[in-house]
Amino acid sequence: MTSGRDLQGSPLVAYLGPAGTFSEMAMVKYFGSSVTGIACGSIDEVFQKVEATLAAHAVVPIENSTEGGIGRTMDLLVATPLKICGEVVLRVRQNLMATSAQALTAFSTVYSHPQSFGQCAKWLATNLPQAERIPAASNAEAARLALKDAASCAIGPALAAERYGLKILLPDIEDDPRNMTRFLVLGTKAAVRTGKDHTSLVMSAQNRPGAVLDLISPFARHAVSMTRIESRPARTGHWEYLFFIDIDGHQNDEPVKQALAEVSQKAPFLKVFGSYPAAPL
């Protein structure tokens, strides 16, 4: 990952903003503190910046260990010409923040991104049952909203509290201390093979018994480990689904190459998003 950063120098990188989000933290973790980021208002805009060559790379969330896949990212991966060239795994620490320290019973409103609400559901039910939960477009936006009202608080990363001048009242309030979010790094060029890689792809299956089993069986035959499989509506209006799959290995590794060749003969639709260095946890 470090050598990849060095080759890129200090690129212009689009990420889901505003400043102070977990996406910004993931961007800095991957590219280093000298990176120049472009904060975008939506995941769609993040993709568009790189597709229009207004940024060299994009950093987008793809899945959370508690809440699962990020549907919009998955949908856009199917349509984009961009390639996955890297990944970042970020330990997600959720913090309760407000303008000043006060009793939890004083808060009537709590702002956060829906994913963060899901990651702190038990804590909220126990500690802030009286507070109305209002979803925000991002955790940074939640922090900005909480800044306007002393009776409001927000949930998000420490970076958001720092950026918007809030106090962290309680750290690490996520329900699962192993809470992780995985981000993808997108670009126009394929990543260099490292020997410790992941490959991501999507495919469709015919609507018949055993179709999905037939599609994934080549991975087992060629000893290729699947690390993730998730279905997503194909948006055709006919109850058809796409299957998003991550596997160990690079698409140019011989076992992976053979497995993908077999899958391509069976799947009505197959797209390989890219092979990229596996992120250290």
Protein backbone atom coordinates (compact mmCIF):
# COMPACT_ATOMS: atom_id res chain seq x y z
CA MET A 1 0.00 0.00 0.00
CA THR A 2 2.83 2.41 0.86
CA SER A 3 4.67 1.76 -2.41
CA GLY A 4 1.41 2.40 -4.26
CA ARG A 5 1.08 5.77 -2.53
CA ASP A 6 4.64 6.71 -3.42
CA LEU A 7 4.04 5.97 -7.11
CA GLN A 8 0.98 8.22 -7.08
CA GLY A 9 2.75 11.12 -5.34
CA SER A 10 0.13 13.45 -3.88
CA PRO A 11 -2.98 12.78 -6.00
CA LEU A 12 -6.29 14.58 -6.02
CA VAL A 13 -8.81 12.24 -4.38
CA ALA A 14 -12.60 12.49 -4.23
CA TYR A 15 -14.34 11.24 -1.09
CA LEU A 16 -17.77 11.34 0.55
CA GLY A 17 -17.80 14.60 2.49
CA PRO A 18 -18.05 17.02 4.02
CA ALA A 19 -14.73 17.19 5.86
CA GLY A 20 -14.65 15.15 9.05
CA THR A 21 -16.18 11.90 7.80
CA PHE A 22 -14.90 8.35 8.12
CA SER A 23 -14.35 8.48 4.35
CA GLU A 24 -11.86 11.31 4.83
CA MET A 25 -10.11 9.28 7.52
CA ALA A 26 -9.90 6.30 5.14
CA MET A 27 -8.49 8.51 2.40
CA VAL A 28 -5.73 9.83 4.67
CA LYS A 29 -4.96 6.32 5.93
CA TYR A 30 -4.41 5.09 2.37
CA PHE A 31 -2.78 8.08 0.66
CA GLY A 32 -1.09 9.81 3.60
CA SER A 33 -1.55 13.23 5.18
CA SER A 34 -0.26 15.12 2.12
CA VAL A 35 -3.21 14.03 0.00
CA THR A 36 -5.49 16.70 -1.47
CA GLY A 37 -9.10 15.68 -0.99
CA ILE A 38 -12.27 16.78 -2.79
CA ALA A 39 -15.24 16.50 -0.44
CA CYS A 40 -18.36 15.40 -2.37
CA GLY A 41 -21.99 15.58 -1.36
CA SER A 42 -22.91 12.06 -2.47
CA ILE A 43 -21.39 8.74 -3.50
CA ASP A 44 -22.62 9.46 -7.05
CA GLU A 45 -20.59 12.67 -7.12
CA VAL A 46 -17.49 10.84 -5.87
CA PHE A 47 -17.67 8.49 -8.86
CA GLN A 48 -18.41 11.35 -11.26
CA LYS A 49 -15.33 13.35 -10.22
CA VAL A 50 -12.98 10.55 -11.29
CA GLU A 51 -14.99 9.59 -14.37
CA ALA A 52 -14.74 13.25 -15.50
CA THR A 53 -10.97 13.24 -14.71
CA LEU A 54 -11.48 15.97 -12.09
CA ALA A 55 -9.81 13.67 -9.55
CA ALA A 56 -7.27 10.86 -9.90
CA HIS A 57 -8.91 8.52 -7.41
CA ALA A 58 -12.08 8.00 -5.41
CA VAL A 59 -12.54 6.58 -1.92
CA VAL A 60 -15.99 5.09 -1.26
CA PRO A 61 -17.42 2.89 1.52
CA ILE A 62 -18.41 -0.60 0.39
CA GLU A 63 -19.35 -2.52 3.56
CA ASN A 64 -19.57 -2.34 7.32
CA SER A 65 -19.00 -5.34 9.56
CA THR A 66 -22.20 -4.55 11.50
CA GLU A 67 -24.57 -3.07 8.92
CA GLY A 68 -23.47 -4.86 5.75
CA GLY A 69 -23.02 -3.60 2.19
CA ILE A 70 -23.42 -0.03 0.95
CA GLY A 71 -26.07 -0.40 -1.74
CA ARG A 72 -25.38 2.78 -3.71
CA THR A 73 -21.68 1.98 -4.06
CA MET A 74 -22.52 -1.51 -5.29
CA ASP A 75 -25.00 -0.17 -7.86
CA LEU A 76 -22.52 2.37 -9.22
CA LEU A 77 -19.71 -0.18 -9.50
CA VAL A 78 -21.78 -2.08 -12.06
CA ALA A 79 -22.10 0.96 -14.34
CA THR A 80 -18.75 2.72 -13.90
CA PRO A 81 -15.69 2.24 -16.12
CA LEU A 82 -13.50 2.82 -13.06
CA LYS A 83 -11.42 0.00 -11.60
CA ILE A 84 -10.91 -0.98 -7.98
CA CYS A 85 -7.21 -0.42 -7.34
CA GLY A 86 -7.05 -0.55 -3.55
CA GLU A 87 -8.94 -1.03 -0.31
CA VAL A 88 -8.84 0.40 3.20
CA VAL A 89 -10.20 -1.21 6.36
CA LEU A 90 -10.93 1.31 9.09
CA ARG A 91 -11.70 0.58 12.72
CA VAL A 92 -14.85 2.63 13.26
CA ARG A 93 -15.06 4.34 16.62
CA GLN A 94 -18.33 6.16 17.24
CA ASN A 95 -18.37 9.06 19.69
CA LEU A 96 -21.15 11.06 21.31
CA MET A 97 -20.43 14.77 20.83
CA ALA A 98 -22.14 18.05 21.70
CA THR A 99 -21.46 21.74 22.24
CA SER A 100 -20.87 21.24 25.97
CA ALA A 101 -20.81 18.54 28.62
CA GLN A 102 -24.21 17.88 30.18
CA ALA A 103 -26.42 15.05 31.37
CA LEU A 104 -27.62 12.69 28.66
CA THR A 105 -31.22 13.36 29.72
CA ALA A 106 -30.79 16.98 28.55
CA PHE A 107 -30.61 15.98 24.89
CA SER A 108 -33.86 15.97 22.92
CA THR A 109 -32.29 15.27 19.52
CA VAL A 110 -29.42 13.16 18.23
CA TYR A 111 -28.06 13.45 14.70
CA SER A 112 -26.03 10.88 12.78
CA HIS A 113 -25.70 8.97 9.55
CA PRO A 114 -28.14 6.00 9.34
CA GLN A 115 -25.24 3.53 9.32
CA SER A 116 -23.93 4.99 12.57
CA PHE A 117 -27.37 4.81 14.15
CA GLY A 118 -27.42 1.12 13.25
CA GLN A 119 -23.97 0.58 14.73
CA CYS A 120 -25.04 2.20 18.03
CA ALA A 121 -28.64 0.95 18.24
CA LYS A 122 -28.34 -0.83 21.59
CA TRP A 123 -26.38 1.99 23.18
CA LEU A 124 -28.95 4.54 22.04
CA ALA A 125 -31.88 2.47 23.32
CA THR A 126 -30.23 2.21 26.73
CA ASN A 127 -28.70 5.67 27.13
CA LEU A 128 -30.67 8.09 24.94
CA PRO A 129 -34.20 6.63 24.70
CA GLN A 130 -35.79 10.09 24.95
CA ALA A 131 -33.82 11.68 22.10
CA GLU A 132 -35.31 11.85 18.60
CA ARG A 133 -33.00 10.26 16.06
CA ILE A 134 -32.64 12.44 12.97
CA PRO A 135 -30.65 10.98 10.06
CA ALA A 136 -28.03 13.20 8.41
CA ALA A 137 -26.31 12.84 5.04
CA SER A 138 -23.00 12.24 6.81
CA ASN A 139 -21.54 12.19 10.31
CA ALA A 140 -19.84 15.51 9.59
CA GLU A 141 -23.21 17.04 8.66
CA ALA A 142 -24.60 15.62 11.91
CA ALA A 143 -21.84 17.42 13.82
CA ARG A 144 -22.65 20.69 12.07
CA LEU A 145 -26.34 20.32 12.95
CA ALA A 146 -25.58 19.56 16.62
CA LEU A 147 -23.42 22.67 16.78
CA LYS A 148 -26.52 24.85 16.30
CA ASP A 149 -28.45 23.61 19.36
CA ALA A 150 -27.28 22.90 22.89
CA ALA A 151 -30.10 20.36 23.31
CA SER A 152 -28.79 18.34 20.36
CA CYS A 153 -25.92 15.89 20.14
CA ALA A 154 -24.32 13.92 17.34
CA ILE A 155 -22.67 10.56 16.80
CA GLY A 156 -19.59 10.27 14.62
CA PRO A 157 -15.80 10.16 14.41
CA ALA A 158 -13.47 12.17 16.62
CA LEU A 159 -12.35 14.00 13.48
CA ALA A 160 -15.84 15.50 13.09
CA ALA A 161 -15.78 16.80 16.68
CA GLU A 162 -12.37 18.34 16.04
CA ARG A 163 -13.40 19.95 12.74
CA TYR A 164 -16.63 21.47 14.04
CA GLY A 165 -15.62 22.42 17.57
CA LEU A 166 -17.70 19.91 19.51
CA LYS A 167 -16.77 18.18 22.75
CA ILE A 168 -16.61 14.39 22.88
CA LEU A 169 -18.86 13.45 25.79
CA LEU A 170 -18.49 9.68 25.50
CA PRO A 171 -16.06 7.81 23.23
CA ASP A 172 -16.45 4.36 21.67
CA ILE A 173 -20.22 3.98 22.00
CA GLU A 174 -20.56 1.51 19.10
CA ASP A 175 -22.31 -1.74 20.07
CA ASP A 176 -19.56 -3.95 18.64
CA PRO A 177 -15.97 -3.03 19.58
CA ARG A 178 -14.81 -4.90 16.46
CA ASN A 179 -16.81 -2.53 14.24
CA MET A 180 -14.98 -2.07 10.92
CA THR A 181 -15.80 -0.35 7.65
CA ARG A 182 -14.17 -1.31 4.37
CA PHE A 183 -13.54 1.33 1.72
CA LEU A 184 -12.58 0.93 -1.93
CA VAL A 185 -10.05 3.04 -3.80
CA LEU A 186 -11.11 3.57 -7.41
CA GLY A 187 -9.10 4.79 -10.37
CA THR A 188 -8.61 4.44 -14.10
CA LYS A 189 -5.60 2.11 -13.96
CA ALA A 190 -5.29 -1.46 -12.71
CA ALA A 191 -3.26 -2.12 -9.57
CA VAL A 192 0.07 -3.91 -9.70
CA ARG A 193 -0.02 -7.57 -8.66
CA THR A 194 1.54 -8.01 -5.20
CA GLY A 195 1.07 -11.70 -4.36
CA LYS A 196 -1.40 -10.84 -1.60
CA ASP A 197 -4.39 -9.55 -3.48
CA HIS A 198 -8.17 -9.53 -3.60
CA THR A 199 -10.40 -9.56 -6.67
CA SER A 200 -13.94 -8.20 -6.76
CA LEU A 201 -16.59 -9.07 -9.33
CA VAL A 202 -20.31 -9.14 -9.99
CA MET A 203 -22.36 -11.69 -11.90
CA SER A 204 -25.93 -12.65 -12.62
CA ALA A 205 -27.54 -16.07 -12.50
CA GLN A 206 -30.33 -17.71 -14.41
CA ASN A 207 -33.58 -18.22 -12.50
CA ARG A 208 -33.39 -22.00 -12.11
CA PRO A 209 -32.59 -24.43 -9.28
CA GLY A 210 -28.86 -24.71 -8.58
CA ALA A 211 -27.87 -21.78 -10.81
CA VAL A 212 -25.91 -19.92 -8.14
CA LEU A 213 -24.20 -23.11 -6.98
CA ASP A 214 -23.10 -23.79 -10.55
CA LEU A 215 -21.66 -20.29 -10.82
CA ILE A 216 -19.58 -20.41 -7.65
CA SER A 217 -18.46 -24.05 -7.90
CA PRO A 218 -15.46 -23.18 -10.16
CA PHE A 219 -13.94 -21.25 -7.25
CA ALA A 220 -14.06 -24.36 -5.08
CA ARG A 221 -12.66 -26.58 -7.85
CA HIS A 222 -9.67 -24.29 -8.31
CA ALA A 223 -9.13 -23.74 -4.55
CA VAL A 224 -10.01 -20.04 -4.74
CA SER A 225 -11.44 -18.73 -1.47
CA MET A 226 -14.53 -16.52 -1.57
CA THR A 227 -14.40 -13.92 1.20
CA ARG A 228 -17.76 -12.27 0.47
CA ILE A 229 -20.94 -12.88 -1.50
CA GLU A 230 -23.92 -10.54 -1.41
CA SER A 231 -27.00 -10.25 -3.59
CA ARG A 232 -28.44 -6.99 -4.86
CA PRO A 233 -31.53 -6.32 -7.04
CA ALA A 234 -30.57 -6.00 -10.70
CA ARG A 235 -33.03 -3.10 -11.17
CA THR A 236 -34.71 -4.78 -14.12
CA GLY A 237 -38.13 -4.96 -12.44
CA HIS A 238 -38.30 -8.75 -12.86
CA TRP A 239 -37.05 -9.92 -9.43
CA GLU A 240 -33.60 -10.59 -10.87
CA TYR A 241 -30.48 -10.27 -8.76
CA LEU A 242 -26.80 -9.56 -9.12
CA PHE A 243 -24.26 -11.35 -6.93
CA PHE A 244 -21.28 -9.36 -5.68
CA ILE A 245 -18.30 -11.55 -4.84
CA ASP A 246 -14.83 -10.98 -3.38
CA ILE A 247 -12.18 -13.66 -3.72
CA ASP A 248 -8.62 -14.14 -2.57
CA GLY A 249 -5.98 -13.78 -5.27
CA HIS A 250 -5.30 -11.71 -8.38
CA GLN A 251 -7.21 -12.22 -11.62
CA ASN A 252 -3.87 -13.05 -13.31
CA ASP A 253 -3.10 -15.82 -10.81
CA GLU A 254 -3.57 -19.09 -12.67
CA PRO A 255 -6.20 -20.64 -10.34
CA VAL A 256 -8.24 -17.42 -10.34
CA LYS A 257 -7.87 -17.05 -14.11
CA GLN A 258 -9.16 -20.59 -14.68
CA ALA A 259 -12.07 -20.16 -12.26
CA LEU A 260 -13.14 -16.88 -13.88
CA ALA A 261 -12.94 -18.44 -17.33
CA GLU A 262 -15.37 -21.13 -16.23
CA VAL A 263 -17.69 -18.62 -14.57
CA SER A 264 -17.73 -16.49 -17.72
CA GLN A 265 -19.09 -19.48 -19.66
CA LYS A 266 -22.00 -19.91 -17.24
CA ALA A 267 -22.95 -16.43 -16.07
CA PRO A 268 -25.34 -14.38 -18.22
CA PHE A 269 -23.45 -11.32 -16.99
CA LEU A 270 -19.98 -11.05 -15.45
CA LYS A 271 -17.89 -7.99 -14.63
CA VAL A 272 -14.56 -8.01 -12.82
CA PHE A 273 -14.18 -4.74 -10.94
CA GLY A 274 -10.46 -5.22 -10.41
CA SER A 275 -7.69 -6.91 -8.48
CA TYR A 276 -5.90 -4.96 -5.78
CA PRO A 277 -3.61 -5.34 -2.75
CA ALA A 278 -5.38 -6.78 0.30
CA ALA A 279 -5.63 -4.18 3.05
CA PRO A 280 -3.90 -4.84 6.36
CA LEU A 281 -6.40 -5.01 9.22
